[in-house]
């Protein structure tokens, strides 16, 4: 994939992440209002709400790493600079 495509994907995922974080705040507020009548908390609701948020965060972070080329150090680079081979020394007798 090209860098431009990764940049567009990273921007789209980051915007989606911002909207999803706002939805998470709304869910947490409504959860707090419902807890008054229910009495006990169910952690499964919170887990299923956070899973998509973590997934989009991971994908967005991975796309930003590709855009800024942070994941590939110079040692693992596909570009190889070849050093000239040393000339063989004349045999001594």
C-alpha atoms as a PDB file:
ATOM      1  CA  UNK A   1       0.000   0.000   0.000  1.00  0.00           C
ATOM      2  CA  UNK A   2       1.214   3.489  -0.710  1.00  0.00           C
ATOM      3  CA  UNK A   3       1.992   6.071   1.941  1.00  0.00           C
ATOM      4  CA  UNK A   4      -0.849   8.323   0.780  1.00  0.00           C
ATOM      5  CA  UNK A   5      -3.335   5.493   1.239  1.00  0.00           C
ATOM      6  CA  UNK A   6      -1.999   4.824   4.747  1.00  0.00           C
ATOM      7  CA  UNK A   7      -2.229   8.543   5.530  1.00  0.00           C
ATOM      8  CA  UNK A   8      -5.875   8.665   4.436  1.00  0.00           C
ATOM      9  CA  UNK A   9      -6.625   5.522   6.428  1.00  0.00           C
ATOM     10  CA  UNK A  10      -4.872   6.938   9.501  1.00  0.00           C
ATOM     11  CA  UNK A  11      -6.828  10.199   9.260  1.00  0.00           C
ATOM     12  CA  UNK A  12     -10.146   8.391   8.816  1.00  0.00           C
ATOM     13  CA  UNK A  13      -9.457   6.045  11.736  1.00  0.00           C
ATOM     14  CA  UNK A  14      -8.365   8.925  13.956  1.00  0.00           C
ATOM     15  CA  UNK A  15     -11.577  10.841  13.214  1.00  0.00           C
ATOM     16  CA  UNK A  16     -13.617   7.691  13.815  1.00  0.00           C
ATOM     17  CA  UNK A  17     -11.739   7.190  17.083  1.00  0.00           C
ATOM     18  CA  UNK A  18     -12.654  10.714  18.203  1.00  0.00           C
ATOM     19  CA  UNK A  19     -16.348  10.092  17.492  1.00  0.00           C
ATOM     20  CA  UNK A  20     -16.180   6.685  19.151  1.00  0.00           C
ATOM     21  CA  UNK A  21     -14.605   8.176  22.273  1.00  0.00           C
ATOM     22  CA  UNK A  22     -17.505  10.609  22.463  1.00  0.00           C
ATOM     23  CA  UNK A  23     -19.928   7.691  22.224  1.00  0.00           C
ATOM     24  CA  UNK A  24     -18.038   5.926  25.024  1.00  0.00           C
ATOM     25  CA  UNK A  25     -18.515   8.953  27.270  1.00  0.00           C
ATOM     26  CA  UNK A  26     -22.238   8.905  26.479  1.00  0.00           C
ATOM     27  CA  UNK A  27     -22.453   5.191  27.321  1.00  0.00           C
ATOM     28  CA  UNK A  28     -20.614   5.697  30.601  1.00  0.00           C
ATOM     29  CA  UNK A  29     -22.962   8.530  31.589  1.00  0.00           C
ATOM     30  CA  UNK A  30     -26.088   6.525  30.784  1.00  0.00           C
ATOM     31  CA  UNK A  31     -24.611   3.531  32.600  1.00  0.00           C
ATOM     32  CA  UNK A  32     -24.136   5.637  35.710  1.00  0.00           C
ATOM     33  CA  UNK A  33     -27.777   6.770  35.517  1.00  0.00           C
ATOM     34  CA  UNK A  34     -29.011   3.171  35.153  1.00  0.00           C
ATOM     35  CA  UNK A  35     -26.879   1.908  38.044  1.00  0.00           C
ATOM     36  CA  UNK A  36     -28.932   3.861  40.543  1.00  0.00           C
ATOM     37  CA  UNK A  37     -31.974   1.689  39.882  1.00  0.00           C
ATOM     38  CA  UNK A  38     -30.181  -1.589  39.295  1.00  0.00           C
ATOM     39  CA  UNK A  39     -27.850  -1.739  42.266  1.00  0.00           C
ATOM     40  CA  UNK A  40     -24.919  -3.723  40.870  1.00  0.00           C
ATOM     41  CA  UNK A  41     -22.446  -3.202  38.068  1.00  0.00           C
ATOM     42  CA  UNK A  42     -21.953  -5.564  35.164  1.00  0.00           C
ATOM     43  CA  UNK A  43     -18.389  -5.319  33.857  1.00  0.00           C
ATOM     44  CA  UNK A  44     -19.280  -7.198  30.660  1.00  0.00           C
ATOM     45  CA  UNK A  45     -21.163  -4.140  29.371  1.00  0.00           C
ATOM     46  CA  UNK A  46     -18.085  -1.985  29.748  1.00  0.00           C
ATOM     47  CA  UNK A  47     -15.822  -4.596  28.147  1.00  0.00           C
ATOM     48  CA  UNK A  48     -18.031  -4.887  25.054  1.00  0.00           C
ATOM     49  CA  UNK A  49     -18.137  -1.106  24.807  1.00  0.00           C
ATOM     50  CA  UNK A  50     -14.352  -0.694  25.026  1.00  0.00           C
ATOM     51  CA  UNK A  51     -13.412  -3.491  22.569  1.00  0.00           C
ATOM     52  CA  UNK A  52     -14.219  -1.495  19.385  1.00  0.00           C
ATOM     53  CA  UNK A  53     -12.445   1.536  20.827  1.00  0.00           C
ATOM     54  CA  UNK A  54      -9.256  -0.453  21.442  1.00  0.00           C
ATOM     55  CA  UNK A  55      -9.451  -2.082  18.012  1.00  0.00           C
ATOM     56  CA  UNK A  56      -9.736   1.246  16.185  1.00  0.00           C
ATOM     57  CA  UNK A  57      -6.966   2.706  18.370  1.00  0.00           C
ATOM     58  CA  UNK A  58      -4.658  -0.166  17.389  1.00  0.00           C
ATOM     59  CA  UNK A  59      -5.423   0.189  13.674  1.00  0.00           C
ATOM     60  CA  UNK A  60      -4.975   3.964  13.750  1.00  0.00           C
ATOM     61  CA  UNK A  61      -1.664   3.684  15.612  1.00  0.00           C
ATOM     62  CA  UNK A  62      -0.427   1.085  13.136  1.00  0.00           C
ATOM     63  CA  UNK A  63      -1.332   3.323  10.205  1.00  0.00           C
ATOM     64  CA  UNK A  64       0.430   6.331  11.757  1.00  0.00           C
ATOM     65  CA  UNK A  65       3.546   4.205  12.321  1.00  0.00           C
ATOM     66  CA  UNK A  66       3.550   3.259   8.644  1.00  0.00           C
ATOM     67  CA  UNK A  67       3.006   6.876   7.553  1.00  0.00           C
ATOM     68  CA  UNK A  68       5.940   8.186   9.576  1.00  0.00           C
ATOM     69  CA  UNK A  69       8.062   5.081   8.840  1.00  0.00           C
ATOM     70  CA  UNK A  70       8.775   4.480  12.521  1.00  0.00           C
ATOM     71  CA  UNK A  71       8.500   0.708  12.408  1.00  0.00           C
ATOM     72  CA  UNK A  72      11.552  -0.014  10.273  1.00  0.00           C
ATOM     73  CA  UNK A  73      14.974   0.828  11.679  1.00  0.00           C
ATOM     74  CA  UNK A  74      17.897   1.377   9.310  1.00  0.00           C
ATOM     75  CA  UNK A  75      19.212  -2.143   9.945  1.00  0.00           C
ATOM     76  CA  UNK A  76      15.976  -3.713   8.726  1.00  0.00           C
ATOM     77  CA  UNK A  77      15.643  -1.381   5.768  1.00  0.00           C
ATOM     78  CA  UNK A  78      15.195  -2.874   2.332  1.00  0.00           C
ATOM     79  CA  UNK A  79      17.702  -0.406   0.892  1.00  0.00           C
ATOM     80  CA  UNK A  80      21.179  -1.867   1.096  1.00  0.00           C
ATOM     81  CA  UNK A  81      24.327   0.137   0.600  1.00  0.00           C
ATOM     82  CA  UNK A  82      27.081  -2.127  -0.568  1.00  0.00           C
ATOM     83  CA  UNK A  83      30.601  -1.391   0.571  1.00  0.00           C
ATOM     84  CA  UNK A  84      33.346  -2.060  -1.944  1.00  0.00           C
ATOM     85  CA  UNK A  85      35.023  -5.403  -1.496  1.00  0.00           C
ATOM     86  CA  UNK A  86      38.586  -5.231  -0.189  1.00  0.00           C
ATOM     87  CA  UNK A  87      41.201  -5.980  -2.782  1.00  0.00           C
ATOM     88  CA  UNK A  88      42.961  -9.258  -2.184  1.00  0.00           C
ATOM     89  CA  UNK A  89      46.515  -8.903  -0.937  1.00  0.00           C
ATOM     90  CA  UNK A  90      49.342 -10.308  -3.020  1.00  0.00           C
ATOM     91  CA  UNK A  91      50.536 -13.660  -1.717  1.00  0.00           C
ATOM     92  CA  UNK A  92      53.809 -13.409   0.201  1.00  0.00           C
ATOM     93  CA  UNK A  93      56.584 -15.938  -0.247  1.00  0.00           C
END
